[in-house]
Amino acid sequence: IEYLEDYEPETYLSYLSGDMLISHAMDIAERAMERSCDIVQKATDGIFEEKELEKAIDAVSDDAYRTVYQEIITS
């Protein structure tokens, strides 16, 4: 919602006036969560030790967020 308001004000106002802003934001959040989970899953496939898994998840979490932000939120 903040991204739309700041960078795409016309789209923001269109969604807001059509009562679609919240549903749009929820759709984007769901897609972003699914994509983030896919990225982390692929990066951690084959890691079974808990400590190694935690380190791997920490290592890819920021990259996953950046990827999702570029692919879904700002598209």
PDB file of N, CA and C in Angstrom:
ATOM      1  N   ILE A   1       0.839  -1.187   0.000  1.00  0.00           N
ATOM      2  CA  ILE A   1       0.000   0.000   0.000  1.00  0.00           C
ATOM      3  C   ILE A   1       0.880   1.246   0.000  1.00  0.00           C
ATOM      4  N   GLU A   2       1.921   1.242   0.831  1.00  0.00           N
ATOM      5  CA  GLU A   2       2.826   2.395   0.879  1.00  0.00           C
ATOM      6  C   GLU A   2       3.529   2.604  -0.455  1.00  0.00           C
ATOM      7  N   TYR A   3       3.940   1.490  -1.082  1.00  0.00           N
ATOM      8  CA  TYR A   3       4.602   1.619  -2.381  1.00  0.00           C
ATOM      9  C   TYR A   3       3.658   2.281  -3.388  1.00  0.00           C
ATOM     10  N   LEU A   4       2.431   1.810  -3.457  1.00  0.00           N
ATOM     11  CA  LEU A   4       1.469   2.404  -4.391  1.00  0.00           C
ATOM     12  C   LEU A   4       1.237   3.875  -4.080  1.00  0.00           C
ATOM     13  N   GLU A   5       1.047   4.170  -2.820  1.00  0.00           N
ATOM     14  CA  GLU A   5       0.778   5.558  -2.425  1.00  0.00           C
ATOM     15  C   GLU A   5       1.946   6.475  -2.794  1.00  0.00           C
ATOM     16  N   ASP A   6       3.166   5.998  -2.577  1.00  0.00           N
ATOM     17  CA  ASP A   6       4.349   6.824  -2.831  1.00  0.00           C
ATOM     18  C   ASP A   6       4.757   6.884  -4.298  1.00  0.00           C
ATOM     19  N   TYR A   7       4.673   5.750  -5.003  1.00  0.00           N
ATOM     20  CA  TYR A   7       5.246   5.675  -6.342  1.00  0.00           C
ATOM     21  C   TYR A   7       4.224   5.540  -7.481  1.00  0.00           C
ATOM     22  N   GLU A   8       3.024   5.142  -7.154  1.00  0.00           N
ATOM     23  CA  GLU A   8       1.968   5.023  -8.161  1.00  0.00           C
ATOM     24  C   GLU A   8       0.669   5.600  -7.606  1.00  0.00           C
ATOM     25  N   PRO A   9       0.648   6.905  -7.378  1.00  0.00           N
ATOM     26  CA  PRO A   9      -0.514   7.511  -6.727  1.00  0.00           C
ATOM     27  C   PRO A   9      -1.818   7.347  -7.514  1.00  0.00           C
ATOM     28  N   GLU A  10      -1.752   7.317  -8.837  1.00  0.00           N
ATOM     29  CA  GLU A  10      -2.980   7.146  -9.626  1.00  0.00           C
ATOM     30  C   GLU A  10      -3.581   5.758  -9.408  1.00  0.00           C
ATOM     31  N   THR A  11      -2.723   4.752  -9.404  1.00  0.00           N
ATOM     32  CA  THR A  11      -3.188   3.389  -9.149  1.00  0.00           C
ATOM     33  C   THR A  11      -3.716   3.281  -7.730  1.00  0.00           C
ATOM     34  N   TYR A  12      -3.005   3.881  -6.796  1.00  0.00           N
ATOM     35  CA  TYR A  12      -3.436   3.883  -5.394  1.00  0.00           C
ATOM     36  C   TYR A  12      -4.833   4.467  -5.262  1.00  0.00           C
ATOM     37  N   LEU A  13      -5.058   5.633  -5.856  1.00  0.00           N
ATOM     38  CA  LEU A  13      -6.364   6.283  -5.765  1.00  0.00           C
ATOM     39  C   LEU A  13      -7.443   5.473  -6.458  1.00  0.00           C
ATOM     40  N   SER A  14      -7.093   4.832  -7.559  1.00  0.00           N
ATOM     41  CA  SER A  14      -8.053   3.988  -8.272  1.00  0.00           C
ATOM     42  C   SER A  14      -8.501   2.818  -7.397  1.00  0.00           C
ATOM     43  N   TYR A  15      -7.531   2.125  -6.791  1.00  0.00           N
ATOM     44  CA  TYR A  15      -7.870   1.015  -5.892  1.00  0.00           C
ATOM     45  C   TYR A  15      -8.643   1.506  -4.679  1.00  0.00           C
ATOM     46  N   LEU A  16      -8.238   2.631  -4.153  1.00  0.00           N
ATOM     47  CA  LEU A  16      -8.891   3.180  -2.969  1.00  0.00           C
ATOM     48  C   LEU A  16     -10.338   3.541  -3.262  1.00  0.00           C
ATOM     49  N   SER A  17     -10.584   4.207  -4.380  1.00  0.00           N
ATOM     50  CA  SER A  17     -11.945   4.628  -4.703  1.00  0.00           C
ATOM     51  C   SER A  17     -12.832   3.444  -5.083  1.00  0.00           C
ATOM     52  N   GLY A  18     -12.236   2.374  -5.555  1.00  0.00           N
ATOM     53  CA  GLY A  18     -13.016   1.193  -5.925  1.00  0.00           C
ATOM     54  C   GLY A  18     -13.100   0.158  -4.818  1.00  0.00           C
ATOM     55  N   ASP A  19     -12.697   0.525  -3.610  1.00  0.00           N
ATOM     56  CA  ASP A  19     -12.693  -0.396  -2.465  1.00  0.00           C
ATOM     57  C   ASP A  19     -11.940  -1.693  -2.765  1.00  0.00           C
ATOM     58  N   MET A  20     -10.861  -1.591  -3.538  1.00  0.00           N
ATOM     59  CA  MET A  20     -10.077  -2.759  -3.910  1.00  0.00           C
ATOM     60  C   MET A  20      -8.682  -2.732  -3.291  1.00  0.00           C
ATOM     61  N   LEU A  21      -8.358  -1.698  -2.549  1.00  0.00           N
ATOM     62  CA  LEU A  21      -6.999  -1.536  -2.029  1.00  0.00           C
ATOM     63  C   LEU A  21      -6.604  -2.666  -1.083  1.00  0.00           C
ATOM     64  N   ILE A  22      -7.448  -2.991  -0.139  1.00  0.00           N
ATOM     65  CA  ILE A  22      -7.132  -4.027   0.843  1.00  0.00           C
ATOM     66  C   ILE A  22      -7.042  -5.396   0.172  1.00  0.00           C
ATOM     67  N   SER A  23      -7.985  -5.715  -0.714  1.00  0.00           N
ATOM     68  CA  SER A  23      -7.931  -7.020  -1.383  1.00  0.00           C
ATOM     69  C   SER A  23      -6.700  -7.127  -2.275  1.00  0.00           C
ATOM     70  N   HIS A  24      -6.326  -6.020  -2.926  1.00  0.00           N
ATOM     71  CA  HIS A  24      -5.116  -6.013  -3.742  1.00  0.00           C
ATOM     72  C   HIS A  24      -3.891  -6.241  -2.859  1.00  0.00           C
ATOM     73  N   ALA A  25      -3.818  -5.558  -1.741  1.00  0.00           N
ATOM     74  CA  ALA A  25      -2.687  -5.703  -0.824  1.00  0.00           C
ATOM     75  C   ALA A  25      -2.607  -7.128  -0.275  1.00  0.00           C
ATOM     76  N   MET A  26      -3.744  -7.725   0.037  1.00  0.00           N
ATOM     77  CA  MET A  26      -3.757  -9.096   0.551  1.00  0.00           C
ATOM     78  C   MET A  26      -3.301 -10.080  -0.521  1.00  0.00           C
ATOM     79  N   ASP A  27      -3.705  -9.858  -1.762  1.00  0.00           N
ATOM     80  CA  ASP A  27      -3.273 -10.712  -2.863  1.00  0.00           C
ATOM     81  C   ASP A  27      -1.764 -10.627  -3.052  1.00  0.00           C
ATOM     82  N   ILE A  28      -1.240  -9.410  -3.046  1.00  0.00           N
ATOM     83  CA  ILE A  28       0.203  -9.209  -3.190  1.00  0.00           C
ATOM     84  C   ILE A  28       0.949  -9.859  -2.029  1.00  0.00           C
ATOM     85  N   ALA A  29       0.451  -9.700  -0.822  1.00  0.00           N
ATOM     86  CA  ALA A  29       1.103 -10.290   0.357  1.00  0.00           C
ATOM     87  C   ALA A  29       1.124 -11.814   0.261  1.00  0.00           C
ATOM     88  N   GLU A  30       0.039 -12.406  -0.185  1.00  0.00           N
ATOM     89  CA  GLU A  30      -0.023 -13.853  -0.324  1.00  0.00           C
ATOM     90  C   GLU A  30       0.973 -14.347  -1.382  1.00  0.00           C
ATOM     91  N   ARG A  31       0.999 -13.688  -2.521  1.00  0.00           N
ATOM     92  CA  ARG A  31       1.937 -14.066  -3.581  1.00  0.00           C
ATOM     93  C   ARG A  31       3.382 -13.882  -3.128  1.00  0.00           C
ATOM     94  N   ALA A  32       3.636 -12.804  -2.404  1.00  0.00           N
ATOM     95  CA  ALA A  32       4.992 -12.540  -1.912  1.00  0.00           C
ATOM     96  C   ALA A  32       5.429 -13.603  -0.911  1.00  0.00           C
ATOM     97  N   MET A  33       4.539 -13.998  -0.032  1.00  0.00           N
ATOM     98  CA  MET A  33       4.867 -15.024   0.957  1.00  0.00           C
ATOM     99  C   MET A  33       5.156 -16.353   0.268  1.00  0.00           C
ATOM    100  N   GLU A  34       4.322 -16.728  -0.707  1.00  0.00           N
ATOM    101  CA  GLU A  34       4.535 -17.977  -1.433  1.00  0.00           C
ATOM    102  C   GLU A  34       5.880 -17.963  -2.160  1.00  0.00           C
ATOM    103  N   ARG A  35       6.194 -16.858  -2.811  1.00  0.00           N
ATOM    104  CA  ARG A  35       7.454 -16.752  -3.557  1.00  0.00           C
ATOM    105  C   ARG A  35       8.643 -16.794  -2.605  1.00  0.00           C
ATOM    106  N   SER A  36       8.549 -16.105  -1.464  1.00  0.00           N
ATOM    107  CA  SER A  36       9.624 -16.129  -0.469  1.00  0.00           C
ATOM    108  C   SER A  36       9.865 -17.547   0.030  1.00  0.00           C
ATOM    109  N   CYS A  37       8.796 -18.258   0.312  1.00  0.00           N
ATOM    110  CA  CYS A  37       8.922 -19.639   0.784  1.00  0.00           C
ATOM    111  C   CYS A  37       9.564 -20.519  -0.280  1.00  0.00           C
ATOM    112  N   ASP A  38       9.189 -20.322  -1.540  1.00  0.00           N
ATOM    113  CA  ASP A  38       9.801 -21.087  -2.632  1.00  0.00           C
ATOM    114  C   ASP A  38      11.300 -20.835  -2.707  1.00  0.00           C
ATOM    115  N   ILE A  39      11.692 -19.576  -2.604  1.00  0.00           N
ATOM    116  CA  ILE A  39      13.113 -19.225  -2.682  1.00  0.00           C
ATOM    117  C   ILE A  39      13.884 -19.869  -1.534  1.00  0.00           C
ATOM    118  N   VAL A  40      13.366 -19.764  -0.326  1.00  0.00           N
ATOM    119  CA  VAL A  40      14.041 -20.341   0.844  1.00  0.00           C
ATOM    120  C   VAL A  40      14.073 -21.864   0.731  1.00  0.00           C
ATOM    121  N   GLN A  41      12.972 -22.463   0.272  1.00  0.00           N
ATOM    122  CA  GLN A  41      12.915 -23.918   0.124  1.00  0.00           C
ATOM    123  C   GLN A  41      13.974 -24.412  -0.848  1.00  0.00           C
ATOM    124  N   LYS A  42      14.088 -23.769  -1.991  1.00  0.00           N
ATOM    125  CA  LYS A  42      15.077 -24.180  -2.987  1.00  0.00           C
ATOM    126  C   LYS A  42      16.503 -24.002  -2.470  1.00  0.00           C
ATOM    127  N   ALA A  43      16.725 -22.943  -1.718  1.00  0.00           N
ATOM    128  CA  ALA A  43      18.064 -22.668  -1.202  1.00  0.00           C
ATOM    129  C   ALA A  43      18.464 -23.613  -0.076  1.00  0.00           C
ATOM    130  N   THR A  44      17.493 -24.202   0.583  1.00  0.00           N
ATOM    131  CA  THR A  44      17.799 -25.061   1.726  1.00  0.00           C
ATOM    132  C   THR A  44      17.536 -26.536   1.452  1.00  0.00           C
ATOM    133  N   ASP A  45      17.173 -26.885   0.231  1.00  0.00           N
ATOM    134  CA  ASP A  45      16.965 -28.294  -0.114  1.00  0.00           C
ATOM    135  C   ASP A  45      18.211 -29.111   0.186  1.00  0.00           C
ATOM    136  N   GLY A  46      18.021 -30.233   0.829  1.00  0.00           N
ATOM    137  CA  GLY A  46      19.134 -31.118   1.112  1.00  0.00           C
ATOM    138  C   GLY A  46      19.859 -30.826   2.410  1.00  0.00           C
ATOM    139  N   ILE A  47      19.473 -29.789   3.121  1.00  0.00           N
ATOM    140  CA  ILE A  47      20.095 -29.472   4.409  1.00  0.00           C
ATOM    141  C   ILE A  47      19.194 -30.035   5.507  1.00  0.00           C
ATOM    142  N   PHE A  48      19.754 -30.920   6.304  1.00  0.00           N
ATOM    143  CA  PHE A  48      18.934 -31.589   7.300  1.00  0.00           C
ATOM    144  C   PHE A  48      19.338 -31.277   8.737  1.00  0.00           C
ATOM    145  N   GLU A  49      20.559 -30.797   8.944  1.00  0.00           N
ATOM    146  CA  GLU A  49      20.970 -30.440  10.305  1.00  0.00           C
ATOM    147  C   GLU A  49      20.338 -29.106  10.675  1.00  0.00           C
ATOM    148  N   GLU A  50      19.774 -29.045  11.862  1.00  0.00           N
ATOM    149  CA  GLU A  50      19.035 -27.864  12.288  1.00  0.00           C
ATOM    150  C   GLU A  50      19.886 -26.594  12.284  1.00  0.00           C
ATOM    151  N   LYS A  51      21.106 -26.669  12.797  1.00  0.00           N
ATOM    152  CA  LYS A  51      21.966 -25.484  12.852  1.00  0.00           C
ATOM    153  C   LYS A  51      22.335 -25.002  11.455  1.00  0.00           C
ATOM    154  N   GLU A  52      22.649 -25.930  10.566  1.00  0.00           N
ATOM    155  CA  GLU A  52      22.987 -25.559   9.190  1.00  0.00           C
ATOM    156  C   GLU A  52      21.766 -24.968   8.485  1.00  0.00           C
ATOM    157  N   LEU A  53      20.605 -25.549   8.754  1.00  0.00           N
ATOM    158  CA  LEU A  53      19.370 -25.060   8.150  1.00  0.00           C
ATOM    159  C   LEU A  53      19.066 -23.634   8.596  1.00  0.00           C
ATOM    160  N   GLU A  54      19.222 -23.356   9.880  1.00  0.00           N
ATOM    161  CA  GLU A  54      18.991 -22.004  10.393  1.00  0.00           C
ATOM    162  C   GLU A  54      19.941 -21.000   9.745  1.00  0.00           C
ATOM    163  N   LYS A  55      21.210 -21.369   9.607  1.00  0.00           N
ATOM    164  CA  LYS A  55      22.187 -20.485   8.967  1.00  0.00           C
ATOM    165  C   LYS A  55      21.822 -20.230   7.510  1.00  0.00           C
ATOM    166  N   ALA A  56      21.410 -21.275   6.811  1.00  0.00           N
ATOM    167  CA  ALA A  56      21.040 -21.130   5.404  1.00  0.00           C
ATOM    168  C   ALA A  56      19.807 -20.246   5.243  1.00  0.00           C
ATOM    169  N   ILE A  57      18.841 -20.429   6.101  1.00  0.00           N
ATOM    170  CA  ILE A  57      17.620 -19.605   6.033  1.00  0.00           C
ATOM    171  C   ILE A  57      17.962 -18.147   6.295  1.00  0.00           C
ATOM    172  N   ASP A  58      18.788 -17.893   7.300  1.00  0.00           N
ATOM    173  CA  ASP A  58      19.205 -16.517   7.582  1.00  0.00           C
ATOM    174  C   ASP A  58      19.937 -15.904   6.393  1.00  0.00           C
ATOM    175  N   ALA A  59      20.755 -16.708   5.747  1.00  0.00           N
ATOM    176  CA  ALA A  59      21.557 -16.210   4.631  1.00  0.00           C
ATOM    177  C   ALA A  59      20.709 -15.837   3.421  1.00  0.00           C
ATOM    178  N   VAL A  60      19.636 -16.572   3.172  1.00  0.00           N
ATOM    179  CA  VAL A  60      18.840 -16.293   1.971  1.00  0.00           C
ATOM    180  C   VAL A  60      17.617 -15.420   2.230  1.00  0.00           C
ATOM    181  N   SER A  61      17.287 -15.166   3.477  1.00  0.00           N
ATOM    182  CA  SER A  61      16.085 -14.390   3.788  1.00  0.00           C
ATOM    183  C   SER A  61      16.119 -12.989   3.184  1.00  0.00           C
ATOM    184  N   ASP A  62      17.230 -12.288   3.328  1.00  0.00           N
ATOM    185  CA  ASP A  62      17.329 -10.943   2.762  1.00  0.00           C
ATOM    186  C   ASP A  62      17.265 -10.967   1.247  1.00  0.00           C
ATOM    187  N   ASP A  63      17.945 -11.938   0.648  1.00  0.00           N
ATOM    188  CA  ASP A  63      17.901 -12.066  -0.811  1.00  0.00           C
ATOM    189  C   ASP A  63      16.483 -12.383  -1.284  1.00  0.00           C
ATOM    190  N   ALA A  64      15.798 -13.234  -0.552  1.00  0.00           N
ATOM    191  CA  ALA A  64      14.420 -13.577  -0.908  1.00  0.00           C
ATOM    192  C   ALA A  64      13.536 -12.337  -0.847  1.00  0.00           C
ATOM    193  N   TYR A  65      13.701 -11.539   0.207  1.00  0.00           N
ATOM    194  CA  TYR A  65      12.894 -10.320   0.334  1.00  0.00           C
ATOM    195  C   TYR A  65      13.146  -9.372  -0.841  1.00  0.00           C
ATOM    196  N   ARG A  66      14.424  -9.172  -1.186  1.00  0.00           N
ATOM    197  CA  ARG A  66      14.751  -8.275  -2.302  1.00  0.00           C
ATOM    198  C   ARG A  66      14.174  -8.792  -3.617  1.00  0.00           C
ATOM    199  N   THR A  67      14.273 -10.086  -3.833  1.00  0.00           N
ATOM    200  CA  THR A  67      13.734 -10.688  -5.056  1.00  0.00           C
ATOM    201  C   THR A  67      12.229 -10.513  -5.123  1.00  0.00           C
ATOM    202  N   VAL A  68      11.561 -10.802  -4.044  1.00  0.00           N
ATOM    203  CA  VAL A  68      10.097 -10.671  -4.000  1.00  0.00           C
ATOM    204  C   VAL A  68       9.691  -9.220  -4.191  1.00  0.00           C
ATOM    205  N   TYR A  69      10.415  -8.314  -3.571  1.00  0.00           N
ATOM    206  CA  TYR A  69      10.087  -6.894  -3.715  1.00  0.00           C
ATOM    207  C   TYR A  69      10.177  -6.457  -5.174  1.00  0.00           C
ATOM    208  N   GLN A  70      11.219  -6.915  -5.852  1.00  0.00           N
ATOM    209  CA  GLN A  70      11.395  -6.550  -7.253  1.00  0.00           C
ATOM    210  C   GLN A  70      10.401  -7.259  -8.163  1.00  0.00           C
ATOM    211  N   GLU A  71      10.140  -8.547  -7.920  1.00  0.00           N
ATOM    212  CA  GLU A  71       9.295  -9.321  -8.810  1.00  0.00           C
ATOM    213  C   GLU A  71       7.805  -9.053  -8.620  1.00  0.00           C
ATOM    214  N   ILE A  72       7.381  -8.877  -7.402  1.00  0.00           N
ATOM    215  CA  ILE A  72       5.936  -8.842  -7.125  1.00  0.00           C
ATOM    216  C   ILE A  72       5.455  -7.474  -6.679  1.00  0.00           C
ATOM    217  N   ILE A  73       6.079  -6.904  -5.702  1.00  0.00           N
ATOM    218  CA  ILE A  73       5.568  -5.680  -5.103  1.00  0.00           C
ATOM    219  C   ILE A  73       5.656  -4.514  -6.065  1.00  0.00           C
ATOM    220  N   THR A  74       6.778  -4.379  -6.770  1.00  0.00           N
ATOM    221  CA  THR A  74       6.952  -3.222  -7.633  1.00  0.00           C
ATOM    222  C   THR A  74       6.578  -3.502  -9.088  1.00  0.00           C
ATOM    223  N   SER A  75       6.025  -4.654  -9.366  1.00  0.00           N
ATOM    224  CA  SER A  75       5.646  -4.953 -10.753  1.00  0.00           C
ATOM    225  C   SER A  75       4.214  -4.566 -11.046  1.00  0.00           C
TER     226      SER A  75
END
